């Protein structure tokens, strides 16, 4: 799959009708002191026009 960069910040891919929450996994970050943060797909991916982009911090 070919990717490109949007606005110098976001890596994007052709989405081909992907349902973000149905087809992508949740991501869990683990921190010190047994703290964890679960991030759902709609929180780390977004659709721009007809492409799917990775939202990075």
Protein backbone atom coordinates (compact mmCIF):
# COMPACT_ATOMS: atom_id res chain seq x y z
CA UNK A 1 0.00 0.00 0.00
CA UNK A 2 1.41 3.38 -0.99
CA UNK A 3 1.44 6.15 1.57
CA UNK A 4 1.89 9.91 1.43
CA UNK A 5 2.23 12.77 3.89
CA UNK A 6 -0.58 15.27 4.44
CA UNK A 7 0.24 18.79 5.66
CA UNK A 8 3.80 17.70 6.61
CA UNK A 9 2.44 15.85 9.66
CA UNK A 10 0.14 12.94 8.88
CA UNK A 11 0.93 9.67 7.11
CA UNK A 12 -2.04 8.71 4.93
CA UNK A 13 -3.13 5.67 2.92
CA UNK A 14 -5.89 4.89 0.44
CA UNK A 15 -8.82 3.85 2.63
CA UNK A 16 -10.81 1.74 0.16
CA UNK A 17 -13.94 2.00 2.27
CA UNK A 18 -12.36 0.78 5.50
CA UNK A 19 -14.59 1.06 8.55
CA UNK A 20 -12.06 2.37 11.06
CA UNK A 21 -13.61 0.97 14.26
CA UNK A 22 -14.64 -2.35 12.69
CA UNK A 23 -11.40 -3.22 10.90
CA UNK A 24 -8.54 -1.67 12.89
CA UNK A 25 -7.40 -2.67 16.39
CA UNK A 26 -7.47 -0.65 19.57
CA UNK A 27 -3.97 0.26 20.77
CA UNK A 28 -2.97 0.08 24.43
CA UNK A 29 -0.04 2.08 25.77
CA UNK A 30 1.54 0.85 29.00
CA UNK A 31 3.24 3.26 31.40
CA UNK A 32 5.03 3.10 34.72
CA UNK A 33 3.13 2.12 37.86
CA UNK A 34 0.85 -0.21 35.88
CA UNK A 35 -0.95 2.66 34.16
CA UNK A 36 -2.39 1.94 30.74
CA UNK A 37 -4.23 3.92 28.10
CA UNK A 38 -6.47 2.23 25.53
CA UNK A 39 -6.88 4.21 22.30
CA UNK A 40 -9.69 3.24 19.92
CA UNK A 41 -9.10 3.40 16.14
CA UNK A 42 -11.28 6.48 15.63
CA UNK A 43 -8.96 8.29 18.07
CA UNK A 44 -5.73 7.54 16.17
CA UNK A 45 -6.99 7.45 12.56
CA UNK A 46 -9.07 9.96 10.62
CA UNK A 47 -10.47 10.22 7.12
CA UNK A 48 -9.46 13.13 4.92
CA UNK A 49 -11.43 13.28 1.65
CA UNK A 50 -11.14 9.60 0.63
CA UNK A 51 -7.90 8.68 2.39
CA UNK A 52 -7.20 7.31 5.86
CA UNK A 53 -4.60 9.16 7.94
CA UNK A 54 -2.68 8.31 11.09
CA UNK A 55 -3.02 11.00 13.75
CA UNK A 56 0.29 11.20 15.59
CA UNK A 57 1.20 13.23 18.62
